[in-house]
Amino acid sequence: MTVGLLPDLGCARVRAEVAEAVAGAGERLARRAGLKLVEVTPTLPPLRSEWAMAGLPSFVADLGEAYPERIAELSPEMRIGLEGARQRYSLERAARIESYRRSLNTAMADLFAECDFVIASTNPDVAFVAEGPPPATIPGADLINEIGFTRAIMNNAALTAPSNMNGSPAMSIPAGLVDGLPVGLQVLAAHHREPLLLELALVAERELPWPKVAPGAPLRDGARPLP
């Protein structure tokens, strides 16, 4: 089977040190799993506001009777998204979302016509604080000036959004540390290939094990750090 190694997936700006860590871990995983590395040419469309609005109708359905009275209890990002959609969502906006989805689906199909798996970074940078907000830049780059405001604020989602919107499977596994913080390696596959991804995950767990305790975390219940 074949795998393409694309830390930036052709549609995101990734920190150089993160891309290097993902590339190294991806090569090791491919070697241990017996995958052949191949050159691939991604044509994924840049992430746009259509992605941000695409899942909001189903989200409102999930909220049920809590919508709209309890919007204030949501995270700031989700609240702003819902409030903006209430003002701007229309038939024309829905058509643009559908056009974007179709172009993405075509690009993903073309990508997996070239290889069985794609290895990319999970995020453009190291893990950010759980409280958020997600960063809109990476060290050493002024993304707003370089790629524009909309793409800059969505850069942190640009690597995971394609599989989300395409409905195809992907998984993230640890790829090491940068500046003492974890980096994720993402493996993407085509529709209905979840069993293959799980087999690859098993290879990664056996051949490239990662610490079971986070660096610096206190040990509990008599646990010992891995050698």
C-alpha atoms as a PDB file:
ATOM      1  CA  MET A   1       0.000   0.000   0.000  1.00  0.00           C
ATOM      2  CA  THR A   2       1.079   3.593  -0.569  1.00  0.00           C
ATOM      3  CA  VAL A   3       1.237   6.759   1.512  1.00  0.00           C
ATOM      4  CA  GLY A   4       1.776  10.413   0.658  1.00  0.00           C
ATOM      5  CA  LEU A   5       3.678  12.578   3.138  1.00  0.00           C
ATOM      6  CA  LEU A   6       2.193  16.094   3.229  1.00  0.00           C
ATOM      7  CA  PRO A   7       2.730  17.866   6.571  1.00  0.00           C
ATOM      8  CA  ASP A   8       0.811  20.947   5.349  1.00  0.00           C
ATOM      9  CA  LEU A   9      -1.757  19.015   3.262  1.00  0.00           C
ATOM     10  CA  GLY A  10      -1.212  21.630   0.592  1.00  0.00           C
ATOM     11  CA  CYS A  11      -3.728  23.991   2.211  1.00  0.00           C
ATOM     12  CA  ALA A  12      -2.270  25.124   5.550  1.00  0.00           C
ATOM     13  CA  ARG A  13       0.736  26.989   6.907  1.00  0.00           C
ATOM     14  CA  VAL A  14       2.606  24.708   9.318  1.00  0.00           C
ATOM     15  CA  ARG A  15       5.389  25.678  11.694  1.00  0.00           C
ATOM     16  CA  ALA A  16       8.720  24.417  10.323  1.00  0.00           C
ATOM     17  CA  GLU A  17       9.677  22.486  13.464  1.00  0.00           C
ATOM     18  CA  VAL A  18       6.275  20.798  13.564  1.00  0.00           C
ATOM     19  CA  ALA A  19       6.463  19.863   9.886  1.00  0.00           C
ATOM     20  CA  GLU A  20       9.916  18.367  10.466  1.00  0.00           C
ATOM     21  CA  ALA A  21       8.702  16.303  13.435  1.00  0.00           C
ATOM     22  CA  VAL A  22       5.678  15.036  11.488  1.00  0.00           C
ATOM     23  CA  ALA A  23       7.782  14.170   8.439  1.00  0.00           C
ATOM     24  CA  GLY A  24      10.264  12.209  10.545  1.00  0.00           C
ATOM     25  CA  ALA A  25       7.579  10.321  12.463  1.00  0.00           C
ATOM     26  CA  GLY A  26       5.640   9.715   9.240  1.00  0.00           C
ATOM     27  CA  GLU A  27       8.667   8.179   7.527  1.00  0.00           C
ATOM     28  CA  ARG A  28       9.259   5.894  10.520  1.00  0.00           C
ATOM     29  CA  LEU A  29       5.623   4.821  10.575  1.00  0.00           C
ATOM     30  CA  ALA A  30       5.615   4.123   6.838  1.00  0.00           C
ATOM     31  CA  ARG A  31       8.787   2.053   7.175  1.00  0.00           C
ATOM     32  CA  ARG A  32       7.483   0.014  10.124  1.00  0.00           C
ATOM     33  CA  ALA A  33       4.110  -0.557   8.425  1.00  0.00           C
ATOM     34  CA  GLY A  34       5.645  -1.543   5.090  1.00  0.00           C
ATOM     35  CA  LEU A  35       4.037   1.375   3.237  1.00  0.00           C
ATOM     36  CA  LYS A  36       5.572   2.783   0.073  1.00  0.00           C
ATOM     37  CA  LEU A  37       6.115   6.553   0.119  1.00  0.00           C
ATOM     38  CA  VAL A  38       4.855   8.197  -3.086  1.00  0.00           C
ATOM     39  CA  GLU A  39       4.715  11.740  -4.413  1.00  0.00           C
ATOM     40  CA  VAL A  40       1.219  13.217  -4.428  1.00  0.00           C
ATOM     41  CA  THR A  41      -0.139  16.548  -5.624  1.00  0.00           C
ATOM     42  CA  PRO A  42      -2.927  17.903  -3.391  1.00  0.00           C
ATOM     43  CA  THR A  43      -5.501  20.304  -4.844  1.00  0.00           C
ATOM     44  CA  LEU A  44      -7.599  20.932  -1.740  1.00  0.00           C
ATOM     45  CA  PRO A  45      -9.348  24.317  -1.800  1.00  0.00           C
ATOM     46  CA  PRO A  46      -8.259  26.802   0.898  1.00  0.00           C
ATOM     47  CA  LEU A  47     -10.420  26.709   3.998  1.00  0.00           C
ATOM     48  CA  ARG A  48     -13.108  29.398   3.867  1.00  0.00           C
ATOM     49  CA  SER A  49     -16.022  30.622   5.938  1.00  0.00           C
ATOM     50  CA  GLU A  50     -18.270  28.112   4.140  1.00  0.00           C
ATOM     51  CA  TRP A  51     -16.657  25.368   6.230  1.00  0.00           C
ATOM     52  CA  ALA A  52     -17.400  27.217   9.458  1.00  0.00           C
ATOM     53  CA  MET A  53     -21.090  27.490   8.582  1.00  0.00           C
ATOM     54  CA  ALA A  54     -21.529  24.050   7.025  1.00  0.00           C
ATOM     55  CA  GLY A  55     -22.198  22.208  10.275  1.00  0.00           C
ATOM     56  CA  LEU A  56     -24.297  24.846  12.014  1.00  0.00           C
ATOM     57  CA  PRO A  57     -27.769  23.608  10.911  1.00  0.00           C
ATOM     58  CA  SER A  58     -27.106  20.154  12.400  1.00  0.00           C
ATOM     59  CA  PHE A  59     -25.623  21.801  15.496  1.00  0.00           C
ATOM     60  CA  VAL A  60     -28.809  23.808  15.992  1.00  0.00           C
ATOM     61  CA  ALA A  61     -30.801  20.586  15.609  1.00  0.00           C
ATOM     62  CA  ASP A  62     -28.618  18.973  18.290  1.00  0.00           C
ATOM     63  CA  LEU A  63     -29.225  21.893  20.656  1.00  0.00           C
ATOM     64  CA  GLY A  64     -32.966  21.301  20.425  1.00  0.00           C
ATOM     65  CA  GLU A  65     -34.988  23.323  22.909  1.00  0.00           C
ATOM     66  CA  ALA A  66     -31.804  24.950  24.265  1.00  0.00           C
ATOM     67  CA  TYR A  67     -31.632  27.066  21.090  1.00  0.00           C
ATOM     68  CA  PRO A  68     -31.619  30.047  21.039  1.00  0.00           C
ATOM     69  CA  GLU A  69     -32.264  30.858  24.713  1.00  0.00           C
ATOM     70  CA  ARG A  70     -29.038  29.257  25.997  1.00  0.00           C
ATOM     71  CA  ILE A  71     -26.597  30.462  23.334  1.00  0.00           C
ATOM     72  CA  ALA A  72     -24.783  32.495  25.995  1.00  0.00           C
ATOM     73  CA  GLU A  73     -23.622  29.251  27.656  1.00  0.00           C
ATOM     74  CA  LEU A  74     -21.639  28.154  24.586  1.00  0.00           C
ATOM     75  CA  SER A  75     -17.943  28.787  24.040  1.00  0.00           C
ATOM     76  CA  PRO A  76     -17.201  32.197  22.515  1.00  0.00           C
ATOM     77  CA  GLU A  77     -16.262  30.637  19.160  1.00  0.00           C
ATOM     78  CA  MET A  78     -19.497  28.651  18.853  1.00  0.00           C
ATOM     79  CA  ARG A  79     -21.619  31.557  20.102  1.00  0.00           C
ATOM     80  CA  ILE A  80     -20.117  33.987  17.594  1.00  0.00           C
ATOM     81  CA  GLY A  81     -20.567  31.445  14.815  1.00  0.00           C
ATOM     82  CA  LEU A  82     -24.235  30.894  15.598  1.00  0.00           C
ATOM     83  CA  GLU A  83     -25.009  34.575  16.019  1.00  0.00           C
ATOM     84  CA  GLY A  84     -23.289  35.368  12.717  1.00  0.00           C
ATOM     85  CA  ALA A  85     -25.138  32.599  10.899  1.00  0.00           C
ATOM     86  CA  ARG A  86     -28.493  33.859  12.187  1.00  0.00           C
ATOM     87  CA  GLN A  87     -27.782  37.145  10.435  1.00  0.00           C
ATOM     88  CA  ARG A  88     -26.126  35.913   7.234  1.00  0.00           C
ATOM     89  CA  TYR A  89     -27.410  32.417   6.444  1.00  0.00           C
ATOM     90  CA  SER A  90     -29.491  32.361   3.262  1.00  0.00           C
ATOM     91  CA  LEU A  91     -30.268  30.229   0.241  1.00  0.00           C
ATOM     92  CA  GLU A  92     -27.333  31.814  -1.591  1.00  0.00           C
ATOM     93  CA  ARG A  93     -25.002  31.120   1.350  1.00  0.00           C
ATOM     94  CA  ALA A  94     -26.202  27.507   1.471  1.00  0.00           C
ATOM     95  CA  ALA A  95     -25.445  27.198  -2.262  1.00  0.00           C
ATOM     96  CA  ARG A  96     -21.901  28.495  -1.719  1.00  0.00           C
ATOM     97  CA  ILE A  97     -21.415  25.973   1.089  1.00  0.00           C
ATOM     98  CA  GLU A  98     -22.598  23.169  -1.194  1.00  0.00           C
ATOM     99  CA  SER A  99     -20.310  24.340  -4.031  1.00  0.00           C
ATOM    100  CA  TYR A 100     -17.354  24.379  -1.639  1.00  0.00           C
ATOM    101  CA  ARG A 101     -18.230  20.898  -0.376  1.00  0.00           C
ATOM    102  CA  ARG A 102     -18.383  19.558  -3.933  1.00  0.00           C
ATOM    103  CA  SER A 103     -14.993  21.011  -4.866  1.00  0.00           C
ATOM    104  CA  LEU A 104     -13.510  19.582  -1.662  1.00  0.00           C
ATOM    105  CA  ASN A 105     -15.026  16.146  -2.321  1.00  0.00           C
ATOM    106  CA  THR A 106     -13.532  16.112  -5.817  1.00  0.00           C
ATOM    107  CA  ALA A 107     -10.106  17.139  -4.521  1.00  0.00           C
ATOM    108  CA  MET A 108     -10.178  14.466  -1.802  1.00  0.00           C
ATOM    109  CA  ALA A 109     -11.168  11.799  -4.336  1.00  0.00           C
ATOM    110  CA  ASP A 110      -8.301  12.881  -6.587  1.00  0.00           C
ATOM    111  CA  LEU A 111      -5.899  12.730  -3.649  1.00  0.00           C
ATOM    112  CA  PHE A 112      -6.838   9.177  -2.717  1.00  0.00           C
ATOM    113  CA  ALA A 113      -6.638   8.114  -6.339  1.00  0.00           C
ATOM    114  CA  GLU A 114      -2.883   8.732  -5.945  1.00  0.00           C
ATOM    115  CA  CYS A 115      -2.299   6.921  -2.641  1.00  0.00           C
ATOM    116  CA  ASP A 116      -3.974   4.827   0.047  1.00  0.00           C
ATOM    117  CA  PHE A 117      -3.073   7.048   3.016  1.00  0.00           C
ATOM    118  CA  VAL A 118      -1.960  10.623   3.539  1.00  0.00           C
ATOM    119  CA  ILE A 119       0.187  11.645   6.486  1.00  0.00           C
ATOM    120  CA  ALA A 120      -0.115  15.262   7.593  1.00  0.00           C
ATOM    121  CA  SER A 121       0.246  17.322  10.724  1.00  0.00           C
ATOM    122  CA  THR A 122      -2.813  17.378  12.980  1.00  0.00           C
ATOM    123  CA  ASN A 123      -2.345  21.053  13.817  1.00  0.00           C
ATOM    124  CA  PRO A 124      -0.122  23.779  12.358  1.00  0.00           C
ATOM    125  CA  ASP A 125       1.686  24.237  15.680  1.00  0.00           C
ATOM    126  CA  VAL A 126       2.141  22.572  19.044  1.00  0.00           C
ATOM    127  CA  ALA A 127      -0.804  22.066  21.372  1.00  0.00           C
ATOM    128  CA  PHE A 128      -2.413  25.307  22.540  1.00  0.00           C
ATOM    129  CA  VAL A 129      -4.033  25.959  25.916  1.00  0.00           C
ATOM    130  CA  ALA A 130      -7.271  24.071  26.459  1.00  0.00           C
ATOM    131  CA  GLU A 131      -9.182  27.233  27.314  1.00  0.00           C
ATOM    132  CA  GLY A 132      -8.453  28.623  23.830  1.00  0.00           C
ATOM    133  CA  PRO A 133      -8.855  30.495  21.655  1.00  0.00           C
ATOM    134  CA  PRO A 134      -7.078  28.603  18.862  1.00  0.00           C
ATOM    135  CA  PRO A 135      -4.087  30.583  17.581  1.00  0.00           C
ATOM    136  CA  ALA A 136      -4.324  32.487  14.304  1.00  0.00           C
ATOM    137  CA  THR A 137      -0.584  32.515  13.641  1.00  0.00           C
ATOM    138  CA  ILE A 138       2.579  30.431  13.898  1.00  0.00           C
ATOM    139  CA  PRO A 139       6.016  31.482  15.146  1.00  0.00           C
ATOM    140  CA  GLY A 140       7.979  33.503  12.613  1.00  0.00           C
ATOM    141  CA  ALA A 141       5.044  34.244  10.324  1.00  0.00           C
ATOM    142  CA  ASP A 142       2.505  37.037   9.975  1.00  0.00           C
ATOM    143  CA  LEU A 143      -0.314  34.947   8.538  1.00  0.00           C
ATOM    144  CA  ILE A 144      -2.865  37.753   8.292  1.00  0.00           C
ATOM    145  CA  ASN A 145      -0.563  39.701   5.970  1.00  0.00           C
ATOM    146  CA  GLU A 146       0.664  36.607   4.128  1.00  0.00           C
ATOM    147  CA  ILE A 147      -2.554  34.691   3.442  1.00  0.00           C
ATOM    148  CA  GLY A 148      -5.330  37.088   4.497  1.00  0.00           C
ATOM    149  CA  PHE A 149      -7.478  37.445   7.594  1.00  0.00           C
ATOM    150  CA  THR A 150     -10.006  34.681   6.866  1.00  0.00           C
ATOM    151  CA  ARG A 151      -7.439  31.996   6.061  1.00  0.00           C
ATOM    152  CA  ALA A 152      -5.253  33.094   8.974  1.00  0.00           C
ATOM    153  CA  ILE A 153      -7.970  32.702  11.599  1.00  0.00           C
ATOM    154  CA  MET A 154      -8.922  29.331  10.096  1.00  0.00           C
ATOM    155  CA  ASN A 155      -5.374  28.032   9.665  1.00  0.00           C
ATOM    156  CA  ASN A 156      -5.580  26.054  12.897  1.00  0.00           C
ATOM    157  CA  ALA A 157      -8.496  24.024  11.488  1.00  0.00           C
ATOM    158  CA  ALA A 158      -7.239  23.760   7.908  1.00  0.00           C
ATOM    159  CA  LEU A 159      -5.628  20.328   8.418  1.00  0.00           C
ATOM    160  CA  THR A 160      -8.584  18.557  10.037  1.00  0.00           C
ATOM    161  CA  ALA A 161     -11.487  20.298   8.283  1.00  0.00           C
ATOM    162  CA  PRO A 162     -11.115  18.434   4.938  1.00  0.00           C
ATOM    163  CA  SER A 163     -11.847  15.011   6.463  1.00  0.00           C
ATOM    164  CA  ASN A 164     -14.592  16.497   8.658  1.00  0.00           C
ATOM    165  CA  MET A 165     -16.441  18.040   5.723  1.00  0.00           C
ATOM    166  CA  ASN A 166     -15.700  15.182   3.320  1.00  0.00           C
ATOM    167  CA  GLY A 167     -16.899  12.599   5.818  1.00  0.00           C
ATOM    168  CA  SER A 168     -13.814  10.442   5.363  1.00  0.00           C
ATOM    169  CA  PRO A 169     -11.859   8.861   8.241  1.00  0.00           C
ATOM    170  CA  ALA A 170      -8.704  10.235   9.844  1.00  0.00           C
ATOM    171  CA  MET A 171      -6.807   9.627  13.062  1.00  0.00           C
ATOM    172  CA  SER A 172      -4.184  11.462  15.084  1.00  0.00           C
ATOM    173  CA  ILE A 173      -1.275   9.813  16.883  1.00  0.00           C
ATOM    174  CA  PRO A 174       1.583  11.362  18.899  1.00  0.00           C
ATOM    175  CA  ALA A 175       4.575  12.426  16.810  1.00  0.00           C
ATOM    176  CA  GLY A 176       6.873  13.758  19.527  1.00  0.00           C
ATOM    177  CA  LEU A 177       7.489  17.105  21.202  1.00  0.00           C
ATOM    178  CA  VAL A 178       8.429  20.594  20.030  1.00  0.00           C
ATOM    179  CA  ASP A 179       9.347  23.091  22.737  1.00  0.00           C
ATOM    180  CA  GLY A 180       8.245  20.468  25.262  1.00  0.00           C
ATOM    181  CA  LEU A 181       4.687  20.395  23.884  1.00  0.00           C
ATOM    182  CA  PRO A 182       3.030  17.546  21.962  1.00  0.00           C
ATOM    183  CA  VAL A 183       2.762  17.374  18.181  1.00  0.00           C
ATOM    184  CA  GLY A 184       0.144  15.264  16.444  1.00  0.00           C
ATOM    185  CA  LEU A 185       0.578  13.222  13.268  1.00  0.00           C
ATOM    186  CA  GLN A 186      -2.639  12.813  11.299  1.00  0.00           C
ATOM    187  CA  VAL A 187      -3.311   9.911   8.939  1.00  0.00           C
ATOM    188  CA  LEU A 188      -6.124  10.390   6.428  1.00  0.00           C
ATOM    189  CA  ALA A 189      -7.826   7.719   4.352  1.00  0.00           C
ATOM    190  CA  ALA A 190     -10.620   7.469   1.812  1.00  0.00           C
ATOM    191  CA  HIS A 191     -14.242   6.665   2.600  1.00  0.00           C
ATOM    192  CA  HIS A 192     -14.971   3.280   4.222  1.00  0.00           C
ATOM    193  CA  ARG A 193     -11.312   2.566   5.026  1.00  0.00           C
ATOM    194  CA  GLU A 194     -11.635   2.754   8.802  1.00  0.00           C
ATOM    195  CA  PRO A 195     -10.415  -0.863   9.260  1.00  0.00           C
ATOM    196  CA  LEU A 196      -7.156  -0.025   7.479  1.00  0.00           C
ATOM    197  CA  LEU A 197      -6.669   3.049   9.648  1.00  0.00           C
ATOM    198  CA  LEU A 198      -7.177   0.982  12.792  1.00  0.00           C
ATOM    199  CA  GLU A 199      -4.633  -1.565  11.584  1.00  0.00           C
ATOM    200  CA  LEU A 200      -2.162   1.255  10.992  1.00  0.00           C
ATOM    201  CA  ALA A 201      -2.906   2.645  14.448  1.00  0.00           C
ATOM    202  CA  LEU A 202      -2.061  -0.758  15.928  1.00  0.00           C
ATOM    203  CA  VAL A 203       1.268  -0.736  14.091  1.00  0.00           C
ATOM    204  CA  ALA A 204       1.998   2.733  15.448  1.00  0.00           C
ATOM    205  CA  GLU A 205       1.124   1.698  18.992  1.00  0.00           C
ATOM    206  CA  ARG A 206       3.350  -1.387  18.825  1.00  0.00           C
ATOM    207  CA  GLU A 207       6.277  -0.025  16.859  1.00  0.00           C
ATOM    208  CA  LEU A 208       6.332   3.648  17.852  1.00  0.00           C
ATOM    209  CA  PRO A 209       5.055   3.718  21.440  1.00  0.00           C
ATOM    210  CA  TRP A 210       4.520   6.998  23.227  1.00  0.00           C
ATOM    211  CA  PRO A 211       4.632   7.858  26.937  1.00  0.00           C
ATOM    212  CA  LYS A 212       1.485   6.997  28.843  1.00  0.00           C
ATOM    213  CA  VAL A 213       2.009   9.923  31.209  1.00  0.00           C
ATOM    214  CA  ALA A 214       2.236  13.517  29.965  1.00  0.00           C
ATOM    215  CA  PRO A 215       5.646  15.178  30.444  1.00  0.00           C
ATOM    216  CA  GLY A 216       5.774  16.888  33.810  1.00  0.00           C
ATOM    217  CA  ALA A 217       2.521  15.341  35.026  1.00  0.00           C
ATOM    218  CA  PRO A 218       2.481  13.919  38.574  1.00  0.00           C
ATOM    219  CA  LEU A 219       2.465  10.125  38.672  1.00  0.00           C
ATOM    220  CA  ARG A 220      -0.584   8.545  40.273  1.00  0.00           C
ATOM    221  CA  ASP A 221      -1.596   5.106  41.476  1.00  0.00           C
ATOM    222  CA  GLY A 222       1.974   3.885  41.542  1.00  0.00           C
ATOM    223  CA  ALA A 223       2.463   4.423  37.800  1.00  0.00           C
ATOM    224  CA  ARG A 224       5.994   4.479  36.495  1.00  0.00           C
ATOM    225  CA  PRO A 225       7.298   6.533  33.580  1.00  0.00           C
ATOM    226  CA  LEU A 226       8.316   4.525  30.540  1.00  0.00           C
ATOM    227  CA  PRO A 227      12.086   4.128  30.059  1.00  0.00           C
END
